[in-house]
Amino acid sequence: MAIHIYRQEVRPFTGRQITLVQNFAAQAVIAIENTRLLNELRQRTTDLAASLEQQTAMSDVLNIISSSPSDLQPVFDAILQNAVRICDAKFGNVYRWDGDALILVATHNTPPTVIELRRRSPFRPQPNVPLGRIITAKTPVHIADVTAEQACLS
């Protein structure tokens, strides 16, 4: 923290003026620390709210699993609905791999034309696209910027 003051004419600052500026500097340091602490508190509150939202979503899914143990459709629907909401996504799909192709088993806000296309014919993604990489690697794939990903494939 630094305070730089000057005046046009050459003369020393008085002891009272120097003390006043020192007090201003001390107050600024306190204000900076208070702001830092407040920002930390806000971040922790945000983190706790996100954690609670995730735990609530998990609880919802577990309740659906226990209430319909023989029917997977409500489970897929609940998982997808919660994932789309928590990730602040526009839409989402759940696919099941049958050993040969991906079968669409749940949708949430998916455009009807995409749903129709996926249900009409088997979906066999190429190995270099995200879903193809998921199938090949059997691990999640995170794409931070799908437009940059598509540019790499062109």
N, C-alpha and C. Protein backbone atom coordinates (compact mmCIF):
# COMPACT_ATOMS: atom_id res chain seq x y z
N MET A 1 0.86 -1.16 0.00
CA MET A 1 0.00 0.00 0.00
C MET A 1 0.90 1.22 0.00
N ALA A 2 0.63 2.13 -0.90
CA ALA A 2 1.41 3.36 -0.96
C ALA A 2 0.48 4.53 -1.27
N ILE A 3 0.74 5.63 -0.61
CA ILE A 3 0.02 6.87 -0.90
C ILE A 3 1.08 7.87 -1.32
N HIS A 4 0.88 8.47 -2.45
CA HIS A 4 1.84 9.43 -2.99
C HIS A 4 1.12 10.77 -3.11
N ILE A 5 1.58 11.75 -2.36
CA ILE A 5 1.01 13.09 -2.47
C ILE A 5 2.13 14.09 -2.70
N TYR A 6 1.80 15.17 -3.33
CA TYR A 6 2.80 16.22 -3.57
C TYR A 6 2.06 17.54 -3.75
N ARG A 7 2.80 18.59 -3.71
CA ARG A 7 2.25 19.92 -3.97
C ARG A 7 3.24 20.68 -4.85
N GLN A 8 2.76 21.73 -5.44
CA GLN A 8 3.56 22.50 -6.39
C GLN A 8 4.71 23.26 -5.71
N GLU A 9 4.44 23.82 -4.57
CA GLU A 9 5.49 24.60 -3.91
C GLU A 9 6.33 23.70 -3.01
N VAL A 10 7.59 24.03 -2.89
CA VAL A 10 8.51 23.23 -2.09
C VAL A 10 8.44 23.71 -0.64
N ARG A 11 7.91 22.86 0.23
CA ARG A 11 7.91 23.08 1.67
C ARG A 11 7.55 21.76 2.33
N PRO A 12 8.03 21.50 3.49
CA PRO A 12 7.78 20.21 4.15
C PRO A 12 6.33 20.12 4.63
N PHE A 13 5.85 18.88 4.71
CA PHE A 13 4.54 18.62 5.29
C PHE A 13 4.67 18.73 6.80
N THR A 14 3.60 19.15 7.42
CA THR A 14 3.63 19.28 8.88
C THR A 14 3.48 17.89 9.51
N GLY A 15 3.83 17.78 10.76
CA GLY A 15 3.67 16.53 11.49
C GLY A 15 2.22 16.08 11.51
N ARG A 16 1.32 17.04 11.63
CA ARG A 16 -0.12 16.72 11.63
C ARG A 16 -0.57 16.17 10.28
N GLN A 17 -0.08 16.75 9.20
CA GLN A 17 -0.42 16.27 7.86
C GLN A 17 0.13 14.85 7.64
N ILE A 18 1.35 14.62 8.08
CA ILE A 18 1.97 13.31 7.93
C ILE A 18 1.18 12.27 8.73
N THR A 19 0.80 12.62 9.96
CA THR A 19 0.01 11.71 10.79
C THR A 19 -1.33 11.42 10.14
N LEU A 20 -1.96 12.43 9.58
CA LEU A 20 -3.25 12.25 8.90
C LEU A 20 -3.11 11.27 7.73
N VAL A 21 -2.09 11.43 6.91
CA VAL A 21 -1.89 10.52 5.77
C VAL A 21 -1.58 9.11 6.27
N GLN A 22 -0.81 8.99 7.35
CA GLN A 22 -0.53 7.67 7.92
C GLN A 22 -1.83 7.01 8.40
N ASN A 23 -2.71 7.77 8.99
CA ASN A 23 -4.01 7.24 9.42
C ASN A 23 -4.84 6.80 8.22
N PHE A 24 -4.81 7.60 7.15
CA PHE A 24 -5.52 7.21 5.93
C PHE A 24 -4.97 5.89 5.39
N ALA A 25 -3.65 5.75 5.41
CA ALA A 25 -3.01 4.52 4.92
C ALA A 25 -3.44 3.32 5.78
N ALA A 26 -3.46 3.52 7.10
CA ALA A 26 -3.87 2.44 7.99
C ALA A 26 -5.32 2.04 7.74
N GLN A 27 -6.18 3.03 7.51
CA GLN A 27 -7.58 2.74 7.22
C GLN A 27 -7.73 2.01 5.88
N ALA A 28 -6.90 2.39 4.91
CA ALA A 28 -6.95 1.72 3.61
C ALA A 28 -6.54 0.26 3.75
N VAL A 29 -5.51 -0.01 4.57
CA VAL A 29 -5.08 -1.40 4.79
C VAL A 29 -6.20 -2.20 5.44
N ILE A 30 -6.88 -1.61 6.41
CA ILE A 30 -8.01 -2.29 7.06
C ILE A 30 -9.12 -2.56 6.05
N ALA A 31 -9.42 -1.58 5.21
CA ALA A 31 -10.47 -1.75 4.20
C ALA A 31 -10.11 -2.85 3.20
N ILE A 32 -8.86 -2.91 2.80
CA ILE A 32 -8.41 -3.95 1.86
C ILE A 32 -8.56 -5.33 2.50
N GLU A 33 -8.15 -5.45 3.76
CA GLU A 33 -8.26 -6.73 4.46
C GLU A 33 -9.72 -7.13 4.64
N ASN A 34 -10.57 -6.18 4.99
CA ASN A 34 -12.00 -6.47 5.14
C ASN A 34 -12.60 -6.94 3.82
N THR A 35 -12.21 -6.32 2.73
CA THR A 35 -12.71 -6.72 1.41
C THR A 35 -12.24 -8.13 1.08
N ARG A 36 -10.98 -8.43 1.38
CA ARG A 36 -10.46 -9.78 1.13
C ARG A 36 -11.24 -10.82 1.93
N LEU A 37 -11.47 -10.53 3.21
CA LEU A 37 -12.21 -11.46 4.06
C LEU A 37 -13.65 -11.63 3.59
N LEU A 38 -14.28 -10.53 3.19
CA LEU A 38 -15.65 -10.60 2.69
C LEU A 38 -15.71 -11.43 1.40
N ASN A 39 -14.75 -11.25 0.52
CA ASN A 39 -14.71 -12.04 -0.72
C ASN A 39 -14.51 -13.53 -0.42
N GLU A 40 -13.64 -13.84 0.57
CA GLU A 40 -13.47 -15.24 0.97
C GLU A 40 -14.77 -15.82 1.50
N LEU A 41 -15.46 -15.04 2.32
CA LEU A 41 -16.74 -15.49 2.88
C LEU A 41 -17.77 -15.73 1.78
N ARG A 42 -17.83 -14.82 0.82
CA ARG A 42 -18.76 -15.00 -0.31
C ARG A 42 -18.43 -16.26 -1.10
N GLN A 43 -17.13 -16.50 -1.34
CA GLN A 43 -16.73 -17.69 -2.09
C GLN A 43 -17.11 -18.95 -1.32
N ARG A 44 -16.88 -18.96 -0.02
CA ARG A 44 -17.24 -20.14 0.79
C ARG A 44 -18.75 -20.35 0.78
N THR A 45 -19.50 -19.27 0.85
CA THR A 45 -20.96 -19.38 0.81
C THR A 45 -21.41 -19.95 -0.53
N THR A 46 -20.80 -19.47 -1.60
CA THR A 46 -21.12 -19.98 -2.94
C THR A 46 -20.76 -21.46 -3.05
N ASP A 47 -19.60 -21.84 -2.54
CA ASP A 47 -19.17 -23.24 -2.58
C ASP A 47 -20.13 -24.12 -1.78
N LEU A 48 -20.54 -23.65 -0.61
CA LEU A 48 -21.47 -24.42 0.22
C LEU A 48 -22.83 -24.57 -0.47
N ALA A 49 -23.30 -23.50 -1.11
CA ALA A 49 -24.58 -23.57 -1.82
C ALA A 49 -24.50 -24.57 -2.97
N ALA A 50 -23.38 -24.57 -3.70
CA ALA A 50 -23.21 -25.52 -4.80
C ALA A 50 -23.15 -26.95 -4.27
N SER A 51 -22.46 -27.14 -3.18
CA SER A 51 -22.37 -28.47 -2.57
C SER A 51 -23.74 -28.95 -2.11
N LEU A 52 -24.51 -28.07 -1.50
CA LEU A 52 -25.86 -28.43 -1.06
C LEU A 52 -26.74 -28.78 -2.26
N GLU A 53 -26.61 -28.01 -3.34
CA GLU A 53 -27.40 -28.29 -4.55
C GLU A 53 -27.05 -29.66 -5.11
N GLN A 54 -25.76 -30.00 -5.12
CA GLN A 54 -25.34 -31.30 -5.63
C GLN A 54 -25.83 -32.43 -4.72
N GLN A 55 -25.75 -32.24 -3.42
CA GLN A 55 -26.21 -33.26 -2.49
C GLN A 55 -27.72 -33.46 -2.59
N THR A 56 -28.45 -32.37 -2.79
CA THR A 56 -29.90 -32.46 -2.96
C THR A 56 -30.23 -33.23 -4.23
N ALA A 57 -29.49 -32.96 -5.29
CA ALA A 57 -29.71 -33.67 -6.55
C ALA A 57 -29.42 -35.16 -6.38
N MET A 58 -28.33 -35.49 -5.69
CA MET A 58 -28.00 -36.90 -5.45
C MET A 58 -29.10 -37.57 -4.63
N SER A 59 -29.60 -36.87 -3.63
CA SER A 59 -30.68 -37.41 -2.80
C SER A 59 -31.92 -37.68 -3.63
N ASP A 60 -32.26 -36.73 -4.53
CA ASP A 60 -33.41 -36.91 -5.42
C ASP A 60 -33.26 -38.17 -6.26
N VAL A 61 -32.08 -38.34 -6.84
CA VAL A 61 -31.83 -39.52 -7.69
C VAL A 61 -31.91 -40.80 -6.86
N LEU A 62 -31.31 -40.79 -5.68
CA LEU A 62 -31.36 -41.99 -4.83
C LEU A 62 -32.80 -42.32 -4.42
N ASN A 63 -33.61 -41.31 -4.15
CA ASN A 63 -35.02 -41.55 -3.83
C ASN A 63 -35.75 -42.19 -5.01
N ILE A 64 -35.46 -41.72 -6.21
CA ILE A 64 -36.10 -42.29 -7.40
C ILE A 64 -35.64 -43.73 -7.61
N ILE A 65 -34.35 -43.98 -7.39
CA ILE A 65 -33.84 -45.36 -7.53
C ILE A 65 -34.55 -46.29 -6.55
N SER A 66 -34.72 -45.83 -5.32
CA SER A 66 -35.36 -46.71 -4.33
C SER A 66 -36.86 -46.85 -4.57
N SER A 67 -37.49 -45.86 -5.19
CA SER A 67 -38.93 -45.95 -5.42
C SER A 67 -39.28 -46.70 -6.70
N SER A 68 -38.32 -46.85 -7.61
CA SER A 68 -38.60 -47.61 -8.84
C SER A 68 -37.39 -48.48 -9.19
N PRO A 69 -37.11 -49.49 -8.38
CA PRO A 69 -35.90 -50.30 -8.59
C PRO A 69 -35.89 -51.08 -9.90
N SER A 70 -37.04 -51.33 -10.48
CA SER A 70 -37.06 -52.14 -11.71
C SER A 70 -37.22 -51.31 -12.97
N ASP A 71 -37.37 -49.98 -12.82
CA ASP A 71 -37.57 -49.12 -13.99
C ASP A 71 -36.47 -48.07 -14.04
N LEU A 72 -35.60 -48.18 -15.04
CA LEU A 72 -34.47 -47.25 -15.15
C LEU A 72 -34.85 -45.89 -15.74
N GLN A 73 -35.95 -45.80 -16.47
CA GLN A 73 -36.27 -44.55 -17.16
C GLN A 73 -36.40 -43.36 -16.21
N PRO A 74 -37.13 -43.47 -15.09
CA PRO A 74 -37.20 -42.32 -14.18
C PRO A 74 -35.83 -41.95 -13.61
N VAL A 75 -34.96 -42.94 -13.43
CA VAL A 75 -33.61 -42.67 -12.93
C VAL A 75 -32.81 -41.88 -13.95
N PHE A 76 -32.83 -42.35 -15.22
CA PHE A 76 -32.13 -41.62 -16.28
C PHE A 76 -32.65 -40.19 -16.40
N ASP A 77 -33.99 -40.04 -16.36
CA ASP A 77 -34.60 -38.71 -16.49
C ASP A 77 -34.17 -37.79 -15.35
N ALA A 78 -34.16 -38.31 -14.13
CA ALA A 78 -33.77 -37.49 -12.96
C ALA A 78 -32.29 -37.12 -13.02
N ILE A 79 -31.45 -38.07 -13.38
CA ILE A 79 -30.01 -37.79 -13.49
C ILE A 79 -29.79 -36.69 -14.52
N LEU A 80 -30.42 -36.82 -15.66
CA LEU A 80 -30.22 -35.85 -16.74
C LEU A 80 -30.77 -34.48 -16.38
N GLN A 81 -31.96 -34.44 -15.82
CA GLN A 81 -32.56 -33.16 -15.44
C GLN A 81 -31.68 -32.44 -14.41
N ASN A 82 -31.19 -33.16 -13.40
CA ASN A 82 -30.32 -32.55 -12.40
C ASN A 82 -28.98 -32.11 -12.99
N ALA A 83 -28.41 -32.93 -13.86
CA ALA A 83 -27.12 -32.58 -14.47
C ALA A 83 -27.24 -31.33 -15.33
N VAL A 84 -28.30 -31.24 -16.13
CA VAL A 84 -28.51 -30.05 -16.97
C VAL A 84 -28.67 -28.81 -16.10
N ARG A 85 -29.45 -28.93 -15.03
CA ARG A 85 -29.69 -27.78 -14.15
C ARG A 85 -28.42 -27.35 -13.43
N ILE A 86 -27.71 -28.30 -12.82
CA ILE A 86 -26.51 -27.98 -12.06
C ILE A 86 -25.40 -27.42 -12.95
N CYS A 87 -25.30 -27.93 -14.15
CA CYS A 87 -24.27 -27.46 -15.08
C CYS A 87 -24.70 -26.23 -15.87
N ASP A 88 -25.91 -25.77 -15.64
CA ASP A 88 -26.45 -24.60 -16.33
C ASP A 88 -26.37 -24.79 -17.86
N ALA A 89 -26.75 -26.00 -18.28
CA ALA A 89 -26.73 -26.34 -19.71
C ALA A 89 -28.11 -26.07 -20.32
N LYS A 90 -28.15 -26.02 -21.62
CA LYS A 90 -29.42 -25.81 -22.33
C LYS A 90 -30.20 -27.11 -22.47
N PHE A 91 -29.50 -28.18 -22.82
CA PHE A 91 -30.15 -29.48 -22.98
C PHE A 91 -29.13 -30.58 -22.73
N GLY A 92 -29.61 -31.82 -22.68
CA GLY A 92 -28.72 -32.95 -22.47
C GLY A 92 -29.37 -34.24 -22.91
N ASN A 93 -28.54 -35.25 -23.09
CA ASN A 93 -29.00 -36.56 -23.52
C ASN A 93 -28.26 -37.64 -22.73
N VAL A 94 -28.92 -38.75 -22.52
CA VAL A 94 -28.28 -39.94 -21.95
C VAL A 94 -28.36 -41.02 -23.01
N TYR A 95 -27.20 -41.60 -23.30
CA TYR A 95 -27.12 -42.70 -24.26
C TYR A 95 -26.66 -43.95 -23.54
N ARG A 96 -27.08 -45.09 -24.07
CA ARG A 96 -26.62 -46.39 -23.59
C ARG A 96 -25.87 -47.05 -24.73
N TRP A 97 -24.67 -47.56 -24.47
CA TRP A 97 -23.88 -48.24 -25.48
C TRP A 97 -24.30 -49.70 -25.51
N ASP A 98 -24.72 -50.18 -26.65
CA ASP A 98 -25.17 -51.58 -26.74
C ASP A 98 -24.09 -52.50 -27.32
N GLY A 99 -22.87 -52.00 -27.41
CA GLY A 99 -21.77 -52.79 -27.96
C GLY A 99 -21.53 -52.48 -29.41
N ASP A 100 -22.50 -51.84 -30.06
CA ASP A 100 -22.38 -51.51 -31.48
C ASP A 100 -22.70 -50.05 -31.76
N ALA A 101 -23.63 -49.49 -31.00
CA ALA A 101 -24.07 -48.12 -31.25
C ALA A 101 -24.61 -47.52 -29.96
N LEU A 102 -24.73 -46.20 -29.97
CA LEU A 102 -25.33 -45.51 -28.83
C LEU A 102 -26.84 -45.45 -29.02
N ILE A 103 -27.57 -45.80 -27.98
CA ILE A 103 -29.03 -45.78 -28.01
C ILE A 103 -29.48 -44.64 -27.09
N LEU A 104 -30.28 -43.74 -27.62
CA LEU A 104 -30.80 -42.61 -26.85
C LEU A 104 -31.82 -43.13 -25.84
N VAL A 105 -31.56 -42.90 -24.54
CA VAL A 105 -32.48 -43.40 -23.52
C VAL A 105 -33.16 -42.29 -22.72
N ALA A 106 -32.62 -41.07 -22.75
CA ALA A 106 -33.26 -39.96 -22.05
C ALA A 106 -32.84 -38.64 -22.68
N THR A 107 -33.76 -37.69 -22.71
CA THR A 107 -33.48 -36.36 -23.24
C THR A 107 -34.04 -35.31 -22.29
N HIS A 108 -33.42 -34.14 -22.34
CA HIS A 108 -33.94 -33.01 -21.57
C HIS A 108 -33.74 -31.75 -22.41
N ASN A 109 -34.85 -31.16 -22.84
CA ASN A 109 -34.85 -29.94 -23.67
C ASN A 109 -34.09 -30.12 -24.99
N THR A 110 -33.94 -31.34 -25.43
CA THR A 110 -33.25 -31.60 -26.69
C THR A 110 -34.15 -31.22 -27.85
N PRO A 111 -33.61 -30.56 -28.88
CA PRO A 111 -34.43 -30.22 -30.05
C PRO A 111 -35.08 -31.49 -30.64
N PRO A 112 -36.36 -31.40 -30.98
CA PRO A 112 -37.08 -32.57 -31.51
C PRO A 112 -36.42 -33.21 -32.73
N THR A 113 -35.79 -32.42 -33.58
CA THR A 113 -35.14 -32.98 -34.77
C THR A 113 -33.97 -33.88 -34.38
N VAL A 114 -33.25 -33.52 -33.32
CA VAL A 114 -32.14 -34.35 -32.86
C VAL A 114 -32.68 -35.66 -32.28
N ILE A 115 -33.74 -35.55 -31.49
CA ILE A 115 -34.35 -36.75 -30.91
C ILE A 115 -34.81 -37.70 -32.01
N GLU A 116 -35.49 -37.15 -33.01
CA GLU A 116 -35.99 -37.97 -34.12
C GLU A 116 -34.85 -38.65 -34.86
N LEU A 117 -33.78 -37.91 -35.16
CA LEU A 117 -32.63 -38.47 -35.87
C LEU A 117 -31.98 -39.59 -35.06
N ARG A 118 -31.78 -39.38 -33.76
CA ARG A 118 -31.12 -40.38 -32.92
C ARG A 118 -31.97 -41.63 -32.71
N ARG A 119 -33.27 -41.47 -32.72
CA ARG A 119 -34.14 -42.64 -32.53
C ARG A 119 -34.36 -43.40 -33.84
N ARG A 120 -34.21 -42.71 -34.97
CA ARG A 120 -34.46 -43.32 -36.27
C ARG A 120 -33.32 -44.24 -36.71
N SER A 121 -32.07 -43.87 -36.39
CA SER A 121 -30.95 -44.68 -36.85
C SER A 121 -29.91 -44.81 -35.74
N PRO A 122 -29.17 -45.92 -35.74
CA PRO A 122 -28.14 -46.11 -34.73
C PRO A 122 -27.10 -44.99 -34.79
N PHE A 123 -26.59 -44.60 -33.65
CA PHE A 123 -25.61 -43.53 -33.57
C PHE A 123 -24.25 -44.15 -33.27
N ARG A 124 -23.37 -44.08 -34.27
CA ARG A 124 -22.03 -44.64 -34.14
C ARG A 124 -21.02 -43.51 -34.35
N PRO A 125 -20.65 -42.83 -33.28
CA PRO A 125 -19.73 -41.69 -33.44
C PRO A 125 -18.33 -42.14 -33.85
N GLN A 126 -17.69 -41.28 -34.62
CA GLN A 126 -16.31 -41.54 -35.03
C GLN A 126 -15.39 -41.45 -33.81
N PRO A 127 -14.28 -42.17 -33.80
CA PRO A 127 -13.38 -42.18 -32.64
C PRO A 127 -12.75 -40.84 -32.29
N ASN A 128 -12.70 -39.91 -33.27
CA ASN A 128 -12.05 -38.62 -33.00
C ASN A 128 -13.00 -37.56 -32.44
N VAL A 129 -14.30 -37.85 -32.33
CA VAL A 129 -15.25 -36.89 -31.75
C VAL A 129 -15.44 -37.22 -30.27
N PRO A 130 -15.93 -36.27 -29.47
CA PRO A 130 -16.01 -36.50 -28.02
C PRO A 130 -16.73 -37.79 -27.62
N LEU A 131 -17.91 -38.06 -28.16
CA LEU A 131 -18.61 -39.29 -27.77
C LEU A 131 -17.84 -40.53 -28.20
N GLY A 132 -17.19 -40.46 -29.34
CA GLY A 132 -16.35 -41.58 -29.78
C GLY A 132 -15.18 -41.82 -28.84
N ARG A 133 -14.58 -40.71 -28.36
CA ARG A 133 -13.47 -40.83 -27.41
C ARG A 133 -13.95 -41.40 -26.09
N ILE A 134 -15.16 -41.05 -25.67
CA ILE A 134 -15.71 -41.60 -24.43
C ILE A 134 -15.85 -43.11 -24.55
N ILE A 135 -16.37 -43.56 -25.67
CA ILE A 135 -16.57 -45.00 -25.88
C ILE A 135 -15.23 -45.72 -25.93
N THR A 136 -14.27 -45.16 -26.66
CA THR A 136 -12.96 -45.79 -26.79
C THR A 136 -12.21 -45.83 -25.46
N ALA A 137 -12.18 -44.70 -24.76
CA ALA A 137 -11.40 -44.60 -23.53
C ALA A 137 -12.15 -45.09 -22.30
N LYS A 138 -13.48 -45.17 -22.42
CA LYS A 138 -14.33 -45.55 -21.28
C LYS A 138 -14.08 -44.63 -20.08
N THR A 139 -14.00 -43.34 -20.37
CA THR A 139 -13.76 -42.32 -19.35
C THR A 139 -14.45 -41.03 -19.77
N PRO A 140 -14.82 -40.18 -18.83
CA PRO A 140 -15.45 -38.90 -19.21
C PRO A 140 -14.50 -38.04 -20.04
N VAL A 141 -15.08 -37.23 -20.89
CA VAL A 141 -14.33 -36.28 -21.70
C VAL A 141 -14.95 -34.91 -21.48
N HIS A 142 -14.13 -33.94 -21.12
CA HIS A 142 -14.62 -32.57 -20.91
C HIS A 142 -14.11 -31.70 -22.04
N ILE A 143 -15.03 -31.03 -22.70
CA ILE A 143 -14.69 -30.11 -23.78
C ILE A 143 -15.00 -28.71 -23.29
N ALA A 144 -13.98 -27.90 -23.07
CA ALA A 144 -14.18 -26.54 -22.55
C ALA A 144 -14.82 -25.64 -23.62
N ASP A 145 -14.43 -25.82 -24.87
CA ASP A 145 -14.95 -24.99 -25.96
C ASP A 145 -15.20 -25.88 -27.17
N VAL A 146 -16.46 -26.24 -27.37
CA VAL A 146 -16.79 -27.18 -28.44
C VAL A 146 -16.49 -26.58 -29.82
N THR A 147 -16.57 -25.26 -29.97
CA THR A 147 -16.26 -24.66 -31.28
C THR A 147 -14.77 -24.82 -31.60
N ALA A 148 -13.89 -24.69 -30.60
CA ALA A 148 -12.47 -24.90 -30.83
C ALA A 148 -12.20 -26.36 -31.14
N GLU A 149 -12.93 -27.26 -30.47
CA GLU A 149 -12.79 -28.69 -30.72
C GLU A 149 -13.17 -29.01 -32.16
N GLN A 150 -14.27 -28.43 -32.64
CA GLN A 150 -14.72 -28.68 -34.01
C GLN A 150 -13.73 -28.11 -35.01
N ALA A 151 -13.11 -26.98 -34.69
CA ALA A 151 -12.12 -26.39 -35.59
C ALA A 151 -10.91 -27.30 -35.76
N CYS A 152 -10.53 -28.00 -34.69
CA CYS A 152 -9.40 -28.93 -34.74
C CYS A 152 -9.70 -30.12 -35.64
N LEU A 153 -10.99 -30.49 -35.72
CA LEU A 153 -11.38 -31.66 -36.51
C LEU A 153 -11.50 -31.31 -37.99
N SER A 154 -11.56 -30.05 -38.31
CA SER A 154 -11.75 -29.64 -39.71
C SER A 154 -10.48 -29.73 -40.50
